[in-house]
Amino acid sequence: MSVKEIQITKSLFFIVCVFIVCLTPHAVCSFLECTSHFTRRLVALNSLINPFIYGIGHPNFRKVLIKLFTCKPIPEPSRFAKWLCNICKHPF
């Protein structure tokens, strides 16, 4: 395996582990029919954490993410990135 494949595999493994850690308490509470605001917040936290995990593991993703948050031009933006920046009314 190449270095890039190993890096992607590690990143994906970490993302899956975080997903399991955040989702398991909610799944157990749902199974036991108990309600907890904490477990719902953990599930939401998972979605909040994912972009930062990608940013840590992938330098290109980090650069583009920072540019998206600051509404600065992205080199060779994808169709989705163009759509997302249109929300900020930022021309390419």
PDB file of N, CA and C in Angstrom:
ATOM      1  N   MET A   1       0.832  -1.186   0.000  1.00  0.00           N
ATOM      2  CA  MET A   1       0.000   0.000   0.000  1.00  0.00           C
ATOM      3  C   MET A   1       0.876   1.249   0.000  1.00  0.00           C
ATOM      4  N   SER A   2       0.394   2.267  -0.685  1.00  0.00           N
ATOM      5  CA  SER A   2       1.143   3.520  -0.729  1.00  0.00           C
ATOM      6  C   SER A   2       0.903   4.324   0.554  1.00  0.00           C
ATOM      7  N   VAL A   3       1.714   5.334   0.738  1.00  0.00           N
ATOM      8  CA  VAL A   3       1.593   6.189   1.922  1.00  0.00           C
ATOM      9  C   VAL A   3       0.235   6.888   1.921  1.00  0.00           C
ATOM     10  N   LYS A   4      -0.200   7.323   0.747  1.00  0.00           N
ATOM     11  CA  LYS A   4      -1.484   8.016   0.636  1.00  0.00           C
ATOM     12  C   LYS A   4      -2.646   7.084   1.000  1.00  0.00           C
ATOM     13  N   GLU A   5      -2.591   5.827   0.563  1.00  0.00           N
ATOM     14  CA  GLU A   5      -3.639   4.856   0.903  1.00  0.00           C
ATOM     15  C   GLU A   5      -3.677   4.583   2.398  1.00  0.00           C
ATOM     16  N   ILE A   6      -2.509   4.504   3.020  1.00  0.00           N
ATOM     17  CA  ILE A   6      -2.433   4.278   4.466  1.00  0.00           C
ATOM     18  C   ILE A   6      -3.025   5.470   5.211  1.00  0.00           C
ATOM     19  N   GLN A   7      -2.704   6.681   4.757  1.00  0.00           N
ATOM     20  CA  GLN A   7      -3.239   7.883   5.392  1.00  0.00           C
ATOM     21  C   GLN A   7      -4.757   7.928   5.277  1.00  0.00           C
ATOM     22  N   ILE A   8      -5.294   7.603   4.117  1.00  0.00           N
ATOM     23  CA  ILE A   8      -6.742   7.601   3.915  1.00  0.00           C
ATOM     24  C   ILE A   8      -7.394   6.525   4.771  1.00  0.00           C
ATOM     25  N   THR A   9      -6.780   5.365   4.866  1.00  0.00           N
ATOM     26  CA  THR A   9      -7.316   4.274   5.678  1.00  0.00           C
ATOM     27  C   THR A   9      -7.354   4.665   7.156  1.00  0.00           C
ATOM     28  N   LYS A  10      -6.287   5.286   7.646  1.00  0.00           N
ATOM     29  CA  LYS A  10      -6.257   5.730   9.043  1.00  0.00           C
ATOM     30  C   LYS A  10      -7.340   6.772   9.309  1.00  0.00           C
ATOM     31  N   SER A  11      -7.486   7.701   8.384  1.00  0.00           N
ATOM     32  CA  SER A  11      -8.492   8.748   8.538  1.00  0.00           C
ATOM     33  C   SER A  11      -9.892   8.156   8.566  1.00  0.00           C
ATOM     34  N   LEU A  12     -10.166   7.245   7.651  1.00  0.00           N
ATOM     35  CA  LEU A  12     -11.476   6.602   7.605  1.00  0.00           C
ATOM     36  C   LEU A  12     -11.730   5.784   8.865  1.00  0.00           C
ATOM     37  N   PHE A  13     -10.717   5.079   9.349  1.00  0.00           N
ATOM     38  CA  PHE A  13     -10.855   4.306  10.581  1.00  0.00           C
ATOM     39  C   PHE A  13     -11.194   5.218  11.760  1.00  0.00           C
ATOM     40  N   PHE A  14     -10.521   6.363  11.848  1.00  0.00           N
ATOM     41  CA  PHE A  14     -10.770   7.309  12.937  1.00  0.00           C
ATOM     42  C   PHE A  14     -12.182   7.871  12.847  1.00  0.00           C
ATOM     43  N   ILE A  15     -12.631   8.188  11.629  1.00  0.00           N
ATOM     44  CA  ILE A  15     -13.987   8.721  11.433  1.00  0.00           C
ATOM     45  C   ILE A  15     -15.026   7.689  11.854  1.00  0.00           C
ATOM     46  N   VAL A  16     -14.829   6.441  11.487  1.00  0.00           N
ATOM     47  CA  VAL A  16     -15.767   5.373  11.874  1.00  0.00           C
ATOM     48  C   VAL A  16     -15.760   5.180  13.388  1.00  0.00           C
ATOM     49  N   CYS A  17     -14.596   5.235  14.008  1.00  0.00           N
ATOM     50  CA  CYS A  17     -14.523   5.093  15.475  1.00  0.00           C
ATOM     51  C   CYS A  17     -15.269   6.216  16.176  1.00  0.00           C
ATOM     52  N   VAL A  18     -15.094   7.450  15.713  1.00  0.00           N
ATOM     53  CA  VAL A  18     -15.800   8.587  16.310  1.00  0.00           C
ATOM     54  C   VAL A  18     -17.306   8.409  16.114  1.00  0.00           C
ATOM     55  N   PHE A  19     -17.709   7.951  14.935  1.00  0.00           N
ATOM     56  CA  PHE A  19     -19.123   7.710  14.663  1.00  0.00           C
ATOM     57  C   PHE A  19     -19.698   6.684  15.640  1.00  0.00           C
ATOM     58  N   ILE A  20     -18.975   5.607  15.854  1.00  0.00           N
ATOM     59  CA  ILE A  20     -19.450   4.558  16.761  1.00  0.00           C
ATOM     60  C   ILE A  20     -19.535   5.087  18.198  1.00  0.00           C
ATOM     61  N   VAL A  21     -18.524   5.822  18.626  1.00  0.00           N
ATOM     62  CA  VAL A  21     -18.522   6.377  19.986  1.00  0.00           C
ATOM     63  C   VAL A  21     -19.688   7.339  20.180  1.00  0.00           C
ATOM     64  N   CYS A  22     -19.982   8.137  19.158  1.00  0.00           N
ATOM     65  CA  CYS A  22     -21.063   9.121  19.283  1.00  0.00           C
ATOM     66  C   CYS A  22     -22.448   8.492  19.121  1.00  0.00           C
ATOM     67  N   LEU A  23     -22.554   7.442  18.342  1.00  0.00           N
ATOM     68  CA  LEU A  23     -23.870   6.873  18.061  1.00  0.00           C
ATOM     69  C   LEU A  23     -24.283   5.768  19.036  1.00  0.00           C
ATOM     70  N   THR A  24     -23.339   5.035  19.593  1.00  0.00           N
ATOM     71  CA  THR A  24     -23.667   3.901  20.457  1.00  0.00           C
ATOM     72  C   THR A  24     -24.538   4.275  21.662  1.00  0.00           C
ATOM     73  N   PRO A  25     -24.227   5.338  22.400  1.00  0.00           N
ATOM     74  CA  PRO A  25     -25.093   5.667  23.542  1.00  0.00           C
ATOM     75  C   PRO A  25     -26.542   5.954  23.122  1.00  0.00           C
ATOM     76  N   HIS A  26     -26.718   6.630  21.992  1.00  0.00           N
ATOM     77  CA  HIS A  26     -28.071   6.923  21.511  1.00  0.00           C
ATOM     78  C   HIS A  26     -28.790   5.636  21.091  1.00  0.00           C
ATOM     79  N   ALA A  27     -28.066   4.744  20.444  1.00  0.00           N
ATOM     80  CA  ALA A  27     -28.668   3.477  20.028  1.00  0.00           C
ATOM     81  C   ALA A  27     -29.089   2.647  21.235  1.00  0.00           C
ATOM     82  N   VAL A  28     -28.258   2.629  22.267  1.00  0.00           N
ATOM     83  CA  VAL A  28     -28.598   1.877  23.485  1.00  0.00           C
ATOM     84  C   VAL A  28     -29.821   2.491  24.157  1.00  0.00           C
ATOM     85  N   CYS A  29     -29.847   3.819  24.261  1.00  0.00           N
ATOM     86  CA  CYS A  29     -31.007   4.489  24.876  1.00  0.00           C
ATOM     87  C   CYS A  29     -32.276   4.252  24.057  1.00  0.00           C
ATOM     88  N   SER A  30     -32.153   4.248  22.750  1.00  0.00           N
ATOM     89  CA  SER A  30     -33.323   3.976  21.905  1.00  0.00           C
ATOM     90  C   SER A  30     -33.815   2.548  22.116  1.00  0.00           C
ATOM     91  N   PHE A  31     -32.882   1.607  22.238  1.00  0.00           N
ATOM     92  CA  PHE A  31     -33.240   0.213  22.448  1.00  0.00           C
ATOM     93  C   PHE A  31     -33.916   0.024  23.807  1.00  0.00           C
ATOM     94  N   LEU A  32     -33.417   0.724  24.816  1.00  0.00           N
ATOM     95  CA  LEU A  32     -33.970   0.610  26.171  1.00  0.00           C
ATOM     96  C   LEU A  32     -35.148   1.549  26.403  1.00  0.00           C
ATOM     97  N   GLU A  33     -35.492   2.310  25.384  1.00  0.00           N
ATOM     98  CA  GLU A  33     -36.619   3.248  25.418  1.00  0.00           C
ATOM     99  C   GLU A  33     -36.455   4.309  26.515  1.00  0.00           C
ATOM    100  N   CYS A  34     -35.257   4.751  26.692  1.00  0.00           N
ATOM    101  CA  CYS A  34     -35.026   5.882  27.585  1.00  0.00           C
ATOM    102  C   CYS A  34     -34.664   7.082  26.718  1.00  0.00           C
ATOM    103  N   THR A  35     -35.031   8.235  27.127  1.00  0.00           N
ATOM    104  CA  THR A  35     -34.722   9.422  26.332  1.00  0.00           C
ATOM    105  C   THR A  35     -33.639  10.222  27.033  1.00  0.00           C
ATOM    106  N   SER A  36     -32.719  10.722  26.235  1.00  0.00           N
ATOM    107  CA  SER A  36     -31.628  11.506  26.799  1.00  0.00           C
ATOM    108  C   SER A  36     -31.229  12.588  25.802  1.00  0.00           C
ATOM    109  N   HIS A  37     -31.233  13.830  26.271  1.00  0.00           N
ATOM    110  CA  HIS A  37     -30.797  14.929  25.418  1.00  0.00           C
ATOM    111  C   HIS A  37     -29.298  14.833  25.155  1.00  0.00           C
ATOM    112  N   PHE A  38     -28.580  14.274  26.117  1.00  0.00           N
ATOM    113  CA  PHE A  38     -27.138  14.123  25.961  1.00  0.00           C
ATOM    114  C   PHE A  38     -26.795  13.230  24.768  1.00  0.00           C
ATOM    115  N   THR A  39     -27.498  12.111  24.631  1.00  0.00           N
ATOM    116  CA  THR A  39     -27.188  11.198  23.527  1.00  0.00           C
ATOM    117  C   THR A  39     -27.551  11.818  22.184  1.00  0.00           C
ATOM    118  N   ARG A  40     -28.613  12.604  22.137  1.00  0.00           N
ATOM    119  CA  ARG A  40     -28.969  13.291  20.887  1.00  0.00           C
ATOM    120  C   ARG A  40     -27.907  14.320  20.528  1.00  0.00           C
ATOM    121  N   ARG A  41     -27.371  14.966  21.541  1.00  0.00           N
ATOM    122  CA  ARG A  41     -26.311  15.953  21.290  1.00  0.00           C
ATOM    123  C   ARG A  41     -25.025  15.273  20.824  1.00  0.00           C
ATOM    124  N   LEU A  42     -24.772  14.079  21.318  1.00  0.00           N
ATOM    125  CA  LEU A  42     -23.605  13.327  20.858  1.00  0.00           C
ATOM    126  C   LEU A  42     -23.714  13.005  19.370  1.00  0.00           C
ATOM    127  N   VAL A  43     -24.901  12.620  18.929  1.00  0.00           N
ATOM    128  CA  VAL A  43     -25.117  12.313  17.509  1.00  0.00           C
ATOM    129  C   VAL A  43     -24.883  13.572  16.673  1.00  0.00           C
ATOM    130  N   ALA A  44     -25.394  14.712  17.135  1.00  0.00           N
ATOM    131  CA  ALA A  44     -25.173  15.968  16.423  1.00  0.00           C
ATOM    132  C   ALA A  44     -23.695  16.367  16.456  1.00  0.00           C
ATOM    133  N   LEU A  45     -23.039  16.096  17.566  1.00  0.00           N
ATOM    134  CA  LEU A  45     -21.623  16.413  17.703  1.00  0.00           C
ATOM    135  C   LEU A  45     -20.796  15.661  16.667  1.00  0.00           C
ATOM    136  N   ASN A  46     -21.198  14.449  16.349  1.00  0.00           N
ATOM    137  CA  ASN A  46     -20.490  13.666  15.342  1.00  0.00           C
ATOM    138  C   ASN A  46     -20.436  14.425  14.020  1.00  0.00           C
ATOM    139  N   SER A  47     -21.546  15.004  13.618  1.00  0.00           N
ATOM    140  CA  SER A  47     -21.568  15.765  12.363  1.00  0.00           C
ATOM    141  C   SER A  47     -20.711  17.015  12.455  1.00  0.00           C
ATOM    142  N   LEU A  48     -20.627  17.591  13.617  1.00  0.00           N
ATOM    143  CA  LEU A  48     -19.816  18.781  13.812  1.00  0.00           C
ATOM    144  C   LEU A  48     -18.322  18.451  13.781  1.00  0.00           C
ATOM    145  N   ILE A  49     -17.957  17.300  14.282  1.00  0.00           N
ATOM    146  CA  ILE A  49     -16.552  16.911  14.396  1.00  0.00           C
ATOM    147  C   ILE A  49     -15.967  16.464  13.059  1.00  0.00           C
ATOM    148  N   ASN A  50     -16.770  15.852  12.195  1.00  0.00           N
ATOM    149  CA  ASN A  50     -16.253  15.278  10.961  1.00  0.00           C
ATOM    150  C   ASN A  50     -15.430  16.229  10.093  1.00  0.00           C
ATOM    151  N   PRO A  51     -15.867  17.453   9.824  1.00  0.00           N
ATOM    152  CA  PRO A  51     -15.017  18.328   8.994  1.00  0.00           C
ATOM    153  C   PRO A  51     -13.641  18.583   9.603  1.00  0.00           C
ATOM    154  N   PHE A  52     -13.572  18.638  10.930  1.00  0.00           N
ATOM    155  CA  PHE A  52     -12.282  18.860  11.577  1.00  0.00           C
ATOM    156  C   PHE A  52     -11.394  17.618  11.483  1.00  0.00           C
ATOM    157  N   ILE A  53     -12.007  16.441  11.548  1.00  0.00           N
ATOM    158  CA  ILE A  53     -11.234  15.204  11.376  1.00  0.00           C
ATOM    159  C   ILE A  53     -10.661  15.152   9.967  1.00  0.00           C
ATOM    160  N   TYR A  54     -11.487  15.464   8.968  1.00  0.00           N
ATOM    161  CA  TYR A  54     -10.999  15.504   7.592  1.00  0.00           C
ATOM    162  C   TYR A  54      -9.890  16.543   7.449  1.00  0.00           C
ATOM    163  N   GLY A  55     -10.084  17.687   8.082  1.00  0.00           N
ATOM    164  CA  GLY A  55      -9.083  18.748   7.999  1.00  0.00           C
ATOM    165  C   GLY A  55      -7.754  18.371   8.600  1.00  0.00           C
ATOM    166  N   ILE A  56      -7.791  17.616   9.682  1.00  0.00           N
ATOM    167  CA  ILE A  56      -6.548  17.173  10.315  1.00  0.00           C
ATOM    168  C   ILE A  56      -5.820  16.173   9.423  1.00  0.00           C
ATOM    169  N   GLY A  57      -6.581  15.279   8.805  1.00  0.00           N
ATOM    170  CA  GLY A  57      -5.971  14.206   8.025  1.00  0.00           C
ATOM    171  C   GLY A  57      -5.622  14.548   6.593  1.00  0.00           C
ATOM    172  N   HIS A  58      -6.231  15.587   6.044  1.00  0.00           N
ATOM    173  CA  HIS A  58      -6.028  15.901   4.631  1.00  0.00           C
ATOM    174  C   HIS A  58      -5.733  17.390   4.457  1.00  0.00           C
ATOM    175  N   PRO A  59      -4.478  17.736   4.175  1.00  0.00           N
ATOM    176  CA  PRO A  59      -4.098  19.147   4.056  1.00  0.00           C
ATOM    177  C   PRO A  59      -4.885  19.894   2.967  1.00  0.00           C
ATOM    178  N   ASN A  60      -5.159  19.257   1.834  1.00  0.00           N
ATOM    179  CA  ASN A  60      -5.916  19.924   0.772  1.00  0.00           C
ATOM    180  C   ASN A  60      -7.331  20.233   1.229  1.00  0.00           C
ATOM    181  N   PHE A  61      -7.949  19.297   1.923  1.00  0.00           N
ATOM    182  CA  PHE A  61      -9.296  19.523   2.446  1.00  0.00           C
ATOM    183  C   PHE A  61      -9.279  20.682   3.434  1.00  0.00           C
ATOM    184  N   ARG A  62      -8.251  20.735   4.274  1.00  0.00           N
ATOM    185  CA  ARG A  62      -8.125  21.808   5.263  1.00  0.00           C
ATOM    186  C   ARG A  62      -8.049  23.167   4.574  1.00  0.00           C
ATOM    187  N   LYS A  63      -7.236  23.276   3.509  1.00  0.00           N
ATOM    188  CA  LYS A  63      -7.101  24.548   2.796  1.00  0.00           C
ATOM    189  C   LYS A  63      -8.435  24.991   2.205  1.00  0.00           C
ATOM    190  N   VAL A  64      -9.128  24.057   1.569  1.00  0.00           N
ATOM    191  CA  VAL A  64     -10.405  24.393   0.946  1.00  0.00           C
ATOM    192  C   VAL A  64     -11.447  24.729   2.003  1.00  0.00           C
ATOM    193  N   LEU A  65     -11.468  24.006   3.100  1.00  0.00           N
ATOM    194  CA  LEU A  65     -12.428  24.264   4.169  1.00  0.00           C
ATOM    195  C   LEU A  65     -12.235  25.662   4.762  1.00  0.00           C
ATOM    196  N   ILE A  66     -10.992  26.050   4.974  1.00  0.00           N
ATOM    197  CA  ILE A  66     -10.713  27.385   5.502  1.00  0.00           C
ATOM    198  C   ILE A  66     -11.170  28.446   4.508  1.00  0.00           C
ATOM    199  N   LYS A  67     -10.934  28.204   3.232  1.00  0.00           N
ATOM    200  CA  LYS A  67     -11.369  29.173   2.217  1.00  0.00           C
ATOM    201  C   LYS A  67     -12.888  29.239   2.141  1.00  0.00           C
ATOM    202  N   LEU A  68     -13.556  28.114   2.320  1.00  0.00           N
ATOM    203  CA  LEU A  68     -15.017  28.126   2.319  1.00  0.00           C
ATOM    204  C   LEU A  68     -15.564  28.920   3.491  1.00  0.00           C
ATOM    205  N   PHE A  69     -14.990  28.719   4.676  1.00  0.00           N
ATOM    206  CA  PHE A  69     -15.464  29.430   5.864  1.00  0.00           C
ATOM    207  C   PHE A  69     -15.205  30.932   5.787  1.00  0.00           C
ATOM    208  N   THR A  70     -14.145  31.304   5.079  1.00  0.00           N
ATOM    209  CA  THR A  70     -13.830  32.730   4.953  1.00  0.00           C
ATOM    210  C   THR A  70     -14.333  33.326   3.642  1.00  0.00           C
ATOM    211  N   CYS A  71     -15.032  32.517   2.837  1.00  0.00           N
ATOM    212  CA  CYS A  71     -15.594  32.949   1.543  1.00  0.00           C
ATOM    213  C   CYS A  71     -14.535  33.537   0.619  1.00  0.00           C
ATOM    214  N   LYS A  72     -13.399  32.867   0.548  1.00  0.00           N
ATOM    215  CA  LYS A  72     -12.329  33.265  -0.366  1.00  0.00           C
ATOM    216  C   LYS A  72     -12.330  32.316  -1.563  1.00  0.00           C
ATOM    217  N   PRO A  73     -11.751  32.744  -2.695  1.00  0.00           N
ATOM    218  CA  PRO A  73     -11.752  31.891  -3.896  1.00  0.00           C
ATOM    219  C   PRO A  73     -11.014  30.571  -3.672  1.00  0.00           C
ATOM    220  N   ILE A  74     -11.553  29.540  -4.281  1.00  0.00           N
ATOM    221  CA  ILE A  74     -10.966  28.206  -4.189  1.00  0.00           C
ATOM    222  C   ILE A  74     -10.366  27.861  -5.549  1.00  0.00           C
ATOM    223  N   PRO A  75      -9.112  27.426  -5.592  1.00  0.00           N
ATOM    224  CA  PRO A  75      -8.556  27.038  -6.884  1.00  0.00           C
ATOM    225  C   PRO A  75      -9.269  25.789  -7.408  1.00  0.00           C
ATOM    226  N   GLU A  76      -9.714  25.869  -8.648  1.00  0.00           N
ATOM    227  CA  GLU A  76     -10.427  24.777  -9.302  1.00  0.00           C
ATOM    228  C   GLU A  76     -11.561  24.238  -8.436  1.00  0.00           C
ATOM    229  N   PRO A  77     -12.541  25.069  -8.131  1.00  0.00           N
ATOM    230  CA  PRO A  77     -13.627  24.594  -7.262  1.00  0.00           C
ATOM    231  C   PRO A  77     -14.529  23.588  -7.965  1.00  0.00           C
ATOM    232  N   SER A  78     -15.062  22.692  -7.194  1.00  0.00           N
ATOM    233  CA  SER A  78     -16.024  21.730  -7.709  1.00  0.00           C
ATOM    234  C   SER A  78     -17.379  22.414  -7.859  1.00  0.00           C
ATOM    235  N   ARG A  79     -18.303  21.735  -8.514  1.00  0.00           N
ATOM    236  CA  ARG A  79     -19.643  22.281  -8.688  1.00  0.00           C
ATOM    237  C   ARG A  79     -20.302  22.519  -7.331  1.00  0.00           C
ATOM    238  N   PHE A  80     -20.104  21.595  -6.393  1.00  0.00           N
ATOM    239  CA  PHE A  80     -20.673  21.747  -5.061  1.00  0.00           C
ATOM    240  C   PHE A  80     -20.061  22.939  -4.339  1.00  0.00           C
ATOM    241  N   ALA A  81     -18.750  23.110  -4.471  1.00  0.00           N
ATOM    242  CA  ALA A  81     -18.087  24.241  -3.811  1.00  0.00           C
ATOM    243  C   ALA A  81     -18.572  25.564  -4.389  1.00  0.00           C
ATOM    244  N   LYS A  82     -18.792  25.598  -5.700  1.00  0.00           N
ATOM    245  CA  LYS A  82     -19.335  26.814  -6.318  1.00  0.00           C
ATOM    246  C   LYS A  82     -20.720  27.119  -5.748  1.00  0.00           C
ATOM    247  N   TRP A  83     -21.543  26.099  -5.625  1.00  0.00           N
ATOM    248  CA  TRP A  83     -22.890  26.291  -5.080  1.00  0.00           C
ATOM    249  C   TRP A  83     -22.820  26.791  -3.643  1.00  0.00           C
ATOM    250  N   LEU A  84     -21.935  26.196  -2.867  1.00  0.00           N
ATOM    251  CA  LEU A  84     -21.807  26.572  -1.464  1.00  0.00           C
ATOM    252  C   LEU A  84     -21.331  28.018  -1.321  1.00  0.00           C
ATOM    253  N   CYS A  85     -20.402  28.444  -2.146  1.00  0.00           N
ATOM    254  CA  CYS A  85     -19.921  29.819  -2.064  1.00  0.00           C
ATOM    255  C   CYS A  85     -20.940  30.811  -2.599  1.00  0.00           C
ATOM    256  N   ASN A  86     -21.857  30.358  -3.426  1.00  0.00           N
ATOM    257  CA  ASN A  86     -22.916  31.251  -3.896  1.00  0.00           C
ATOM    258  C   ASN A  86     -23.821  31.668  -2.737  1.00  0.00           C
ATOM    259  N   ILE A  87     -23.876  30.851  -1.714  1.00  0.00           N
ATOM    260  CA  ILE A  87     -24.642  31.221  -0.522  1.00  0.00           C
ATOM    261  C   ILE A  87     -24.041  32.481   0.087  1.00  0.00           C
ATOM    262  N   CYS A  88     -22.723  32.587   0.055  1.00  0.00           N
ATOM    263  CA  CYS A  88     -22.028  33.773   0.571  1.00  0.00           C
ATOM    264  C   CYS A  88     -22.003  34.897  -0.457  1.00  0.00           C
ATOM    265  N   LYS A  89     -22.574  34.652  -1.635  1.00  0.00           N
ATOM    266  CA  LYS A  89     -22.557  35.639  -2.739  1.00  0.00           C
ATOM    267  C   LYS A  89     -21.123  35.976  -3.140  1.00  0.00           C
ATOM    268  N   HIS A  90     -20.271  34.943  -3.168  1.00  0.00           N
ATOM    269  CA  HIS A  90     -18.881  35.163  -3.498  1.00  0.00           C
ATOM    270  C   HIS A  90     -18.641  34.714  -4.944  1.00  0.00           C
ATOM    271  N   PRO A  91     -18.243  35.627  -5.845  1.00  0.00           N
ATOM    272  CA  PRO A  91     -18.005  35.236  -7.240  1.00  0.00           C
ATOM    273  C   PRO A  91     -16.671  34.519  -7.412  1.00  0.00           C
ATOM    274  N   PHE A  92     -16.616  33.654  -8.411  1.00  0.00           N
ATOM    275  CA  PHE A  92     -15.349  32.967  -8.744  1.00  0.00           C
ATOM    276  C   PHE A  92     -14.687  33.683  -9.888  1.00  0.00           C
TER     277      PHE A  92
END
